[in-house]
Amino acid sequence: LYMSRGQPAQRGMLLHDEDFTIVAKYQAEYRG
């Protein structure tokens, strides 16, 4: 879900969010 062509890749759908929000979303998915 976090890779493209075999390598970790950025998530375009989050590029316009604040850094705080991006980190919080990643942590919610990982922690769950």
Full PDB file with SEQRES, HELIX, SHEET, SSBOND, CRYST1, ORIGX, SCALE, CONECT and MASTER records, all heavy atoms in Angstrom:
SEQRES   1 A   32  LEU TYR MET SER ARG GLY GLN PRO ALA GLN ARG GLY MET          
SEQRES   2 A   32  LEU LEU HIS ASP GLU ASP PHE THR ILE VAL ALA LYS TYR          
SEQRES   3 A   32  GLN ALA GLU TYR ARG GLY                                      
HELIX    1 AA1 GLY A   12  LEU A   14  5                                   3    
HELIX    2 AA2 ASP A   19  ARG A   31  1                                  13    
SHEET    1 AA1 2 MET A   3  SER A   4  0                                        
SHEET    2 AA1 2 GLN A   7  PRO A   8 -1                                        
CRYST1    1.000    1.000    1.000  90.00  90.00  90.00 P 1           1          
ORIGX1      1.000000  0.000000  0.000000        0.00000                         
ORIGX2      0.000000  1.000000  0.000000        0.00000                         
ORIGX3      0.000000  0.000000  1.000000        0.00000                         
SCALE1      1.000000  0.000000  0.000000        0.00000                         
SCALE2      0.000000  1.000000  0.000000        0.00000                         
SCALE3      0.000000  0.000000  1.000000        0.00000                         
ATOM      1  N   LEU A   1       0.815  -1.208   0.000  1.00  0.00           N  
ATOM      2  CA  LEU A   1       0.000   0.000   0.000  1.00  0.00           C  
ATOM      3  C   LEU A   1       0.850   1.260   0.000  1.00  0.00           C  
ATOM      4  O   LEU A   1       0.370   2.341  -0.364  1.00  0.00           O  
ATOM      5  CB  LEU A   1      -0.933   0.006   1.216  1.00  0.00           C  
ATOM      6  CG  LEU A   1      -1.953  -1.126   1.303  1.00  0.00           C  
ATOM      7  CD1 LEU A   1      -2.727  -1.033   2.610  1.00  0.00           C  
ATOM      8  CD2 LEU A   1      -2.905  -1.080   0.121  1.00  0.00           C  
ATOM      9  N   TYR A   2       2.092   1.148   0.442  1.00  0.00           N  
ATOM     10  CA  TYR A   2       2.969   2.314   0.568  1.00  0.00           C  
ATOM     11  C   TYR A   2       4.159   2.228  -0.382  1.00  0.00           C  
ATOM     12  O   TYR A   2       5.149   2.930  -0.189  1.00  0.00           O  
ATOM     13  CB  TYR A   2       3.473   2.424   2.020  1.00  0.00           C  
ATOM     14  CG  TYR A   2       2.366   2.426   3.020  1.00  0.00           C  
ATOM     15  CD1 TYR A   2       1.929   1.237   3.608  1.00  0.00           C  
ATOM     16  CD2 TYR A   2       1.710   3.607   3.361  1.00  0.00           C  
ATOM     17  CE1 TYR A   2       0.891   1.237   4.517  1.00  0.00           C  
ATOM     18  CE2 TYR A   2       0.667   3.611   4.263  1.00  0.00           C  
ATOM     19  CZ  TYR A   2       0.260   2.422   4.833  1.00  0.00           C  
ATOM     20  OH  TYR A   2      -0.782   2.423   5.731  1.00  0.00           O  
ATOM     21  N   MET A   3       4.050   1.370  -1.397  1.00  0.00           N  
ATOM     22  CA  MET A   3       5.163   1.157  -2.321  1.00  0.00           C  
ATOM     23  C   MET A   3       4.728   1.348  -3.767  1.00  0.00           C  
ATOM     24  O   MET A   3       3.537   1.242  -4.093  1.00  0.00           O  
ATOM     25  CB  MET A   3       5.752  -0.247  -2.133  1.00  0.00           C  
ATOM     26  CG  MET A   3       6.254  -0.533  -0.731  1.00  0.00           C  
ATOM     27  SD  MET A   3       6.853  -2.225  -0.497  1.00  0.00           S  
ATOM     28  CE  MET A   3       8.368  -2.159  -1.451  1.00  0.00           C  
ATOM     29  N   SER A   4       5.708   1.627  -4.612  1.00  0.00           N  
ATOM     30  CA  SER A   4       5.487   1.721  -6.049  1.00  0.00           C  
ATOM     31  C   SER A   4       6.756   1.229  -6.734  1.00  0.00           C  
ATOM     32  O   SER A   4       7.860   1.663  -6.399  1.00  0.00           O  
ATOM     33  CB  SER A   4       5.198   3.169  -6.461  1.00  0.00           C  
ATOM     34  OG  SER A   4       5.065   3.279  -7.868  1.00  0.00           O  
ATOM     35  N   ARG A   5       6.586   0.280  -7.651  1.00  0.00           N  
ATOM     36  CA  ARG A   5       7.717  -0.318  -8.364  1.00  0.00           C  
ATOM     37  C   ARG A   5       8.740  -0.905  -7.404  1.00  0.00           C  
ATOM     38  O   ARG A   5       9.948  -0.791  -7.603  1.00  0.00           O  
ATOM     39  CB  ARG A   5       8.377   0.714  -9.278  1.00  0.00           C  
ATOM     40  CG  ARG A   5       7.443   1.264 -10.353  1.00  0.00           C  
ATOM     41  CD  ARG A   5       8.131   2.263 -11.232  1.00  0.00           C  
ATOM     42  NE  ARG A   5       7.211   2.779 -12.258  1.00  0.00           N  
ATOM     43  CZ  ARG A   5       7.533   3.711 -13.153  1.00  0.00           C  
ATOM     44  NH1 ARG A   5       8.763   4.213 -13.152  1.00  0.00           N  
ATOM     45  NH2 ARG A   5       6.644   4.129 -14.033  1.00  0.00           N  
ATOM     46  N   GLY A   6       8.243  -1.507  -6.336  1.00  0.00           N  
ATOM     47  CA  GLY A   6       9.106  -2.205  -5.406  1.00  0.00           C  
ATOM     48  C   GLY A   6       9.813  -1.337  -4.389  1.00  0.00           C  
ATOM     49  O   GLY A   6      10.602  -1.842  -3.582  1.00  0.00           O  
ATOM     50  N   GLN A   7       9.527  -0.019  -4.365  1.00  0.00           N  
ATOM     51  CA  GLN A   7      10.178   0.887  -3.427  1.00  0.00           C  
ATOM     52  C   GLN A   7       9.131   1.712  -2.689  1.00  0.00           C  
ATOM     53  O   GLN A   7       8.073   2.017  -3.242  1.00  0.00           O  
ATOM     54  CB  GLN A   7      11.132   1.837  -4.173  1.00  0.00           C  
ATOM     55  CG  GLN A   7      12.288   1.150  -4.869  1.00  0.00           C  
ATOM     56  CD  GLN A   7      13.255   0.518  -3.887  1.00  0.00           C  
ATOM     57  OE1 GLN A   7      13.442   1.008  -2.770  1.00  0.00           O  
ATOM     58  NE2 GLN A   7      13.876  -0.578  -4.301  1.00  0.00           N  
ATOM     59  N   PRO A   8       9.407   2.087  -1.405  1.00  0.00           N  
ATOM     60  CA  PRO A   8       8.484   2.982  -0.695  1.00  0.00           C  
ATOM     61  C   PRO A   8       8.283   4.266  -1.485  1.00  0.00           C  
ATOM     62  O   PRO A   8       9.240   4.822  -2.038  1.00  0.00           O  
ATOM     63  CB  PRO A   8       9.198   3.241   0.637  1.00  0.00           C  
ATOM     64  CG  PRO A   8      10.100   2.065   0.822  1.00  0.00           C  
ATOM     65  CD  PRO A   8      10.543   1.671  -0.556  1.00  0.00           C  
ATOM     66  N   ALA A   9       7.041   4.728  -1.555  1.00  0.00           N  
ATOM     67  CA  ALA A   9       6.726   5.891  -2.385  1.00  0.00           C  
ATOM     68  C   ALA A   9       5.840   6.859  -1.621  1.00  0.00           C  
ATOM     69  O   ALA A   9       5.180   6.502  -0.644  1.00  0.00           O  
ATOM     70  CB  ALA A   9       6.023   5.444  -3.669  1.00  0.00           C  
ATOM     71  N   GLN A  10       5.842   8.091  -2.075  1.00  0.00           N  
ATOM     72  CA  GLN A  10       4.980   9.106  -1.457  1.00  0.00           C  
ATOM     73  C   GLN A  10       3.524   8.842  -1.823  1.00  0.00           C  
ATOM     74  O   GLN A  10       3.229   8.179  -2.812  1.00  0.00           O  
ATOM     75  CB  GLN A  10       5.379  10.504  -1.913  1.00  0.00           C  
ATOM     76  CG  GLN A  10       5.173  10.756  -3.392  1.00  0.00           C  
ATOM     77  CD  GLN A  10       5.492  12.174  -3.808  1.00  0.00           C  
ATOM     78  OE1 GLN A  10       4.858  12.708  -4.706  1.00  0.00           O  
ATOM     79  NE2 GLN A  10       6.472  12.797  -3.178  1.00  0.00           N  
ATOM     80  N   ARG A  11       2.621   9.370  -1.011  1.00  0.00           N  
ATOM     81  CA  ARG A  11       1.181   9.223  -1.248  1.00  0.00           C  
ATOM     82  C   ARG A  11       0.642  10.558  -1.735  1.00  0.00           C  
ATOM     83  O   ARG A  11       0.504  11.512  -0.975  1.00  0.00           O  
ATOM     84  CB  ARG A  11       0.472   8.768   0.024  1.00  0.00           C  
ATOM     85  CG  ARG A  11       0.965   7.417   0.522  1.00  0.00           C  
ATOM     86  CD  ARG A  11       0.429   7.068   1.891  1.00  0.00           C  
ATOM     87  NE  ARG A  11      -0.985   6.736   1.847  1.00  0.00           N  
ATOM     88  CZ  ARG A  11      -1.704   6.452   2.939  1.00  0.00           C  
ATOM     89  NH1 ARG A  11      -1.126   6.459   4.134  1.00  0.00           N  
ATOM     90  NH2 ARG A  11      -2.975   6.157   2.836  1.00  0.00           N  
ATOM     91  N   GLY A  12       0.337  10.607  -3.023  1.00  0.00           N  
ATOM     92  CA  GLY A  12      -0.082  11.855  -3.631  1.00  0.00           C  
ATOM     93  C   GLY A  12      -1.329  12.452  -3.007  1.00  0.00           C  
ATOM     94  O   GLY A  12      -1.474  13.675  -2.960  1.00  0.00           O  
ATOM     95  N   MET A  13      -2.231  11.604  -2.502  1.00  0.00           N  
ATOM     96  CA  MET A  13      -3.484  12.109  -1.950  1.00  0.00           C  
ATOM     97  C   MET A  13      -3.275  12.912  -0.671  1.00  0.00           C  
ATOM     98  O   MET A  13      -4.175  13.638  -0.238  1.00  0.00           O  
ATOM     99  CB  MET A  13      -4.436  10.943  -1.656  1.00  0.00           C  
ATOM    100  CG  MET A  13      -3.914   9.942  -0.655  1.00  0.00           C  
ATOM    101  SD  MET A  13      -5.027   8.546  -0.370  1.00  0.00           S  
ATOM    102  CE  MET A  13      -6.395   9.377   0.443  1.00  0.00           C  
ATOM    103  N   LEU A  14      -2.089  12.816  -0.063  1.00  0.00           N  
ATOM    104  CA  LEU A  14      -1.817  13.537   1.184  1.00  0.00           C  
ATOM    105  C   LEU A  14      -0.922  14.756   0.986  1.00  0.00           C  
ATOM    106  O   LEU A  14      -0.640  15.461   1.960  1.00  0.00           O  
ATOM    107  CB  LEU A  14      -1.158  12.599   2.196  1.00  0.00           C  
ATOM    108  CG  LEU A  14      -1.940  11.358   2.613  1.00  0.00           C  
ATOM    109  CD1 LEU A  14      -1.142  10.550   3.638  1.00  0.00           C  
ATOM    110  CD2 LEU A  14      -3.307  11.726   3.185  1.00  0.00           C  
ATOM    111  N   LEU A  15      -0.473  15.014  -0.232  1.00  0.00           N  
ATOM    112  CA  LEU A  15       0.533  16.041  -0.443  1.00  0.00           C  
ATOM    113  C   LEU A  15       0.058  17.429  -0.043  1.00  0.00           C  
ATOM    114  O   LEU A  15       0.870  18.297   0.268  1.00  0.00           O  
ATOM    115  CB  LEU A  15       0.975  16.052  -1.910  1.00  0.00           C  
ATOM    116  CG  LEU A  15       1.842  14.868  -2.358  1.00  0.00           C  
ATOM    117  CD1 LEU A  15       2.189  14.993  -3.821  1.00  0.00           C  
ATOM    118  CD2 LEU A  15       3.100  14.774  -1.510  1.00  0.00           C  
ATOM    119  N   HIS A  16      -1.244  17.680  -0.051  1.00  0.00           N  
ATOM    120  CA  HIS A  16      -1.751  19.012   0.262  1.00  0.00           C  
ATOM    121  C   HIS A  16      -2.149  19.152   1.733  1.00  0.00           C  
ATOM    122  O   HIS A  16      -2.635  20.198   2.139  1.00  0.00           O  
ATOM    123  CB  HIS A  16      -2.946  19.343  -0.632  1.00  0.00           C  
ATOM    124  CG  HIS A  16      -2.599  19.390  -2.091  1.00  0.00           C  
ATOM    125  ND1 HIS A  16      -1.782  20.351  -2.633  1.00  0.00           N  
ATOM    126  CD2 HIS A  16      -2.927  18.564  -3.116  1.00  0.00           C  
ATOM    127  CE1 HIS A  16      -1.634  20.142  -3.926  1.00  0.00           C  
ATOM    128  NE2 HIS A  16      -2.323  19.062  -4.245  1.00  0.00           N  
ATOM    129  N   ASP A  17      -1.931  18.121   2.538  1.00  0.00           N  
ATOM    130  CA  ASP A  17      -2.224  18.190   3.966  1.00  0.00           C  
ATOM    131  C   ASP A  17      -1.041  18.777   4.724  1.00  0.00           C  
ATOM    132  O   ASP A  17       0.086  18.807   4.237  1.00  0.00           O  
ATOM    133  CB  ASP A  17      -2.553  16.803   4.520  1.00  0.00           C  
ATOM    134  CG  ASP A  17      -3.920  16.318   4.087  1.00  0.00           C  
ATOM    135  OD1 ASP A  17      -4.690  17.135   3.558  1.00  0.00           O  
ATOM    136  OD2 ASP A  17      -4.222  15.131   4.283  1.00  0.00           O  
ATOM    137  N   GLU A  18      -1.312  19.245   5.941  1.00  0.00           N  
ATOM    138  CA  GLU A  18      -0.247  19.735   6.814  1.00  0.00           C  
ATOM    139  C   GLU A  18       0.622  18.567   7.275  1.00  0.00           C  
ATOM    140  O   GLU A  18       0.171  17.418   7.328  1.00  0.00           O  
ATOM    141  CB  GLU A  18      -0.862  20.442   8.029  1.00  0.00           C  
ATOM    142  CG  GLU A  18      -1.754  21.621   7.691  1.00  0.00           C  
ATOM    143  CD  GLU A  18      -0.964  22.846   7.276  1.00  0.00           C  
ATOM    144  OE1 GLU A  18       0.264  22.855   7.497  1.00  0.00           O  
ATOM    145  OE2 GLU A  18      -1.578  23.779   6.733  1.00  0.00           O  
ATOM    146  N   ASP A  19       1.869  18.863   7.658  1.00  0.00           N  
ATOM    147  CA  ASP A  19       2.776  17.822   8.146  1.00  0.00           C  
ATOM    148  C   ASP A  19       2.178  17.104   9.357  1.00  0.00           C  
ATOM    149  O   ASP A  19       2.288  15.882   9.488  1.00  0.00           O  
ATOM    150  CB  ASP A  19       4.128  18.425   8.525  1.00  0.00           C  
ATOM    151  CG  ASP A  19       4.937  18.835   7.300  1.00  0.00           C  
ATOM    152  OD1 ASP A  19       4.437  18.623   6.176  1.00  0.00           O  
ATOM    153  OD2 ASP A  19       6.048  19.361   7.467  1.00  0.00           O  
ATOM    154  N   PHE A  20       1.540  17.855  10.236  1.00  0.00           N  
ATOM    155  CA  PHE A  20       0.916  17.265  11.426  1.00  0.00           C  
ATOM    156  C   PHE A  20      -0.116  16.218  11.033  1.00  0.00           C  
ATOM    157  O   PHE A  20      -0.143  15.114  11.574  1.00  0.00           O  
ATOM    158  CB  PHE A  20       0.252  18.369  12.253  1.00  0.00           C  
ATOM    159  CG  PHE A  20      -0.495  17.874  13.469  1.00  0.00           C  
ATOM    160  CD1 PHE A  20       0.123  17.809  14.708  1.00  0.00           C  
ATOM    161  CD2 PHE A  20      -1.821  17.472  13.377  1.00  0.00           C  
ATOM    162  CE1 PHE A  20      -0.560  17.358  15.823  1.00  0.00           C  
ATOM    163  CE2 PHE A  20      -2.513  17.011  14.479  1.00  0.00           C  
ATOM    164  CZ  PHE A  20      -1.878  16.961  15.713  1.00  0.00           C  
ATOM    165  N   THR A  21      -0.953  16.552  10.061  1.00  0.00           N  
ATOM    166  CA  THR A  21      -2.011  15.645   9.640  1.00  0.00           C  
ATOM    167  C   THR A  21      -1.449  14.408   8.954  1.00  0.00           C  
ATOM    168  O   THR A  21      -1.922  13.286   9.177  1.00  0.00           O  
ATOM    169  CB  THR A  21      -2.970  16.365   8.683  1.00  0.00           C  
ATOM    170  OG1 THR A  21      -3.455  17.547   9.328  1.00  0.00           O  
ATOM    171  CG2 THR A  21      -4.144  15.484   8.319  1.00  0.00           C  
ATOM    172  N   ILE A  22      -0.426  14.586   8.114  1.00  0.00           N  
ATOM    173  CA  ILE A  22       0.175  13.457   7.412  1.00  0.00           C  
ATOM    174  C   ILE A  22       0.742  12.455   8.408  1.00  0.00           C  
ATOM    175  O   ILE A  22       0.493  11.246   8.318  1.00  0.00           O  
ATOM    176  CB  ILE A  22       1.273  13.949   6.454  1.00  0.00           C  
ATOM    177  CG1 ILE A  22       0.671  14.819   5.350  1.00  0.00           C  
ATOM    178  CG2 ILE A  22       2.016  12.767   5.838  1.00  0.00           C  
ATOM    179  CD1 ILE A  22       1.704  15.499   4.476  1.00  0.00           C  
ATOM    180  N   VAL A  23       1.498  12.949   9.399  1.00  0.00           N  
ATOM    181  CA  VAL A  23       2.098  12.063  10.399  1.00  0.00           C  
ATOM    182  C   VAL A  23       1.013  11.374  11.213  1.00  0.00           C  
ATOM    183  O   VAL A  23       1.086  10.173  11.499  1.00  0.00           O  
ATOM    184  CB  VAL A  23       3.059  12.852  11.314  1.00  0.00           C  
ATOM    185  CG1 VAL A  23       3.561  11.969  12.453  1.00  0.00           C  
ATOM    186  CG2 VAL A  23       4.244  13.378  10.511  1.00  0.00           C  
ATOM    187  N   ALA A  24      -0.029  12.107  11.599  1.00  0.00           N  
ATOM    188  CA  ALA A  24      -1.109  11.527  12.400  1.00  0.00           C  
ATOM    189  C   ALA A  24      -1.830  10.412  11.635  1.00  0.00           C  
ATOM    190  O   ALA A  24      -2.197   9.382  12.223  1.00  0.00           O  
ATOM    191  CB  ALA A  24      -2.101  12.615  12.805  1.00  0.00           C  
ATOM    192  N   LYS A  25      -2.019  10.567  10.330  1.00  0.00           N  
ATOM    193  CA  LYS A  25      -2.708   9.554   9.541  1.00  0.00           C  
ATOM    194  C   LYS A  25      -1.864   8.295   9.397  1.00  0.00           C  
ATOM    195  O   LYS A  25      -2.365   7.176   9.524  1.00  0.00           O  
ATOM    196  CB  LYS A  25      -3.067  10.122   8.167  1.00  0.00           C  
ATOM    197  CG  LYS A  25      -4.182  11.163   8.222  1.00  0.00           C  
ATOM    198  CD  LYS A  25      -4.481  11.742   6.857  1.00  0.00           C  
ATOM    199  CE  LYS A  25      -5.636  12.744   6.941  1.00  0.00           C  
ATOM    200  NZ  LYS A  25      -5.949  13.354   5.637  1.00  0.00           N  
ATOM    201  N   TYR A  26      -0.581   8.476   9.128  1.00  0.00           N  
ATOM    202  CA  TYR A  26       0.307   7.311   9.042  1.00  0.00           C  
ATOM    203  C   TYR A  26       0.329   6.556  10.366  1.00  0.00           C  
ATOM    204  O   TYR A  26       0.279   5.322  10.398  1.00  0.00           O  
ATOM    205  CB  TYR A  26       1.725   7.745   8.675  1.00  0.00           C  
ATOM    206  CG  TYR A  26       2.012   7.761   7.190  1.00  0.00           C  
ATOM    207  CD1 TYR A  26       1.638   8.837   6.400  1.00  0.00           C  
ATOM    208  CD2 TYR A  26       2.681   6.704   6.582  1.00  0.00           C  
ATOM    209  CE1 TYR A  26       1.916   8.861   5.037  1.00  0.00           C  
ATOM    210  CE2 TYR A  26       2.965   6.719   5.222  1.00  0.00           C  
ATOM    211  CZ  TYR A  26       2.573   7.801   4.453  1.00  0.00           C  
ATOM    212  OH  TYR A  26       2.842   7.813   3.106  1.00  0.00           O  
ATOM    213  N   GLN A  27       0.412   7.296  11.471  1.00  0.00           N  
ATOM    214  CA  GLN A  27       0.484   6.636  12.773  1.00  0.00           C  
ATOM    215  C   GLN A  27      -0.806   5.894  13.094  1.00  0.00           C  
ATOM    216  O   GLN A  27      -0.771   4.790  13.675  1.00  0.00           O  
ATOM    217  CB  GLN A  27       0.772   7.666  13.872  1.00  0.00           C  
ATOM    218  CG  GLN A  27       0.826   7.104  15.288  1.00  0.00           C  
ATOM    219  CD  GLN A  27       2.075   6.278  15.553  1.00  0.00           C  
ATOM    220  OE1 GLN A  27       2.762   5.856  14.642  1.00  0.00           O  
ATOM    221  NE2 GLN A  27       2.364   6.047  16.820  1.00  0.00           N  
ATOM    222  N   ALA A  28      -1.953   6.451  12.728  1.00  0.00           N  
ATOM    223  CA  ALA A  28      -3.223   5.782  13.000  1.00  0.00           C  
ATOM    224  C   ALA A  28      -3.291   4.443  12.272  1.00  0.00           C  
ATOM    225  O   ALA A  28      -3.740   3.432  12.833  1.00  0.00           O  
ATOM    226  CB  ALA A  28      -4.390   6.680  12.584  1.00  0.00           C  
ATOM    227  N   GLU A  29      -2.826   4.412  11.026  1.00  0.00           N  
ATOM    228  CA  GLU A  29      -2.846   3.170  10.251  1.00  0.00           C  
ATOM    229  C   GLU A  29      -1.852   2.151  10.821  1.00  0.00           C  
ATOM    230  O   GLU A  29      -2.159   0.966  10.947  1.00  0.00           O  
ATOM    231  CB  GLU A  29      -2.522   3.469   8.787  1.00  0.00           C  
ATOM    232  CG  GLU A  29      -3.572   4.355   8.114  1.00  0.00           C  
ATOM    233  CD  GLU A  29      -3.149   4.810   6.730  1.00  0.00           C  
ATOM    234  OE1 GLU A  29      -1.958   4.631   6.385  1.00  0.00           O  
ATOM    235  OE2 GLU A  29      -3.994   5.345   5.993  1.00  0.00           O  
ATOM    236  N   TYR A  30      -0.652   2.633  11.164  1.00  0.00           N  
ATOM    237  CA  TYR A  30       0.386   1.736  11.682  1.00  0.00           C  
ATOM    238  C   TYR A  30       0.015   1.212  13.071  1.00  0.00           C  
ATOM    239  O   TYR A  30       0.114   0.013  13.348  1.00  0.00           O  
ATOM    240  CB  TYR A  30       1.716   2.485  11.731  1.00  0.00           C  
ATOM    241  CG  TYR A  30       2.848   1.705  12.358  1.00  0.00           C  
ATOM    242  CD1 TYR A  30       3.359   0.564  11.743  1.00  0.00           C  
ATOM    243  CD2 TYR A  30       3.406   2.105  13.568  1.00  0.00           C  
ATOM    244  CE1 TYR A  30       4.401  -0.148  12.316  1.00  0.00           C  
ATOM    245  CE2 TYR A  30       4.444   1.401  14.144  1.00  0.00           C  
ATOM    246  CZ  TYR A  30       4.934   0.277  13.515  1.00  0.00           C  
ATOM    247  OH  TYR A  30       5.951  -0.440  14.093  1.00  0.00           O  
ATOM    248  N   ARG A  31      -0.434   2.081  13.947  1.00  0.00           N  
ATOM    249  CA  ARG A  31      -0.769   1.677  15.308  1.00  0.00           C  
ATOM    250  C   ARG A  31      -1.904   0.656  15.324  1.00  0.00           C  
ATOM    251  O   ARG A  31      -1.873  -0.311  16.092  1.00  0.00           O  
ATOM    252  CB  ARG A  31      -1.171   2.905  16.134  1.00  0.00           C  
ATOM    253  CG  ARG A  31      -1.509   2.578  17.601  1.00  0.00           C  
ATOM    254  CD  ARG A  31      -1.851   3.843  18.369  1.00  0.00           C  
ATOM    255  NE  ARG A  31      -2.982   4.535  17.768  1.00  0.00           N  
ATOM    256  CZ  ARG A  31      -2.933   5.779  17.320  1.00  0.00           C  
ATOM    257  NH1 ARG A  31      -1.812   6.465  17.396  1.00  0.00           N  
ATOM    258  NH2 ARG A  31      -4.000   6.347  16.790  1.00  0.00           N  
ATOM    259  N   GLY A  32      -2.904   0.847  14.458  1.00  0.00           N  
ATOM    260  CA  GLY A  32      -4.022  -0.092  14.430  1.00  0.00           C  
ATOM    261  C   GLY A  32      -3.579  -1.503  14.086  1.00  0.00           C  
ATOM    262  O   GLY A  32      -4.035  -2.474  14.695  1.00  0.00           O  
TER     263      GLY A  32                                                      
MASTER        0    0    0    2    2    0    0    6  262    1    0    3          
END                                                                             
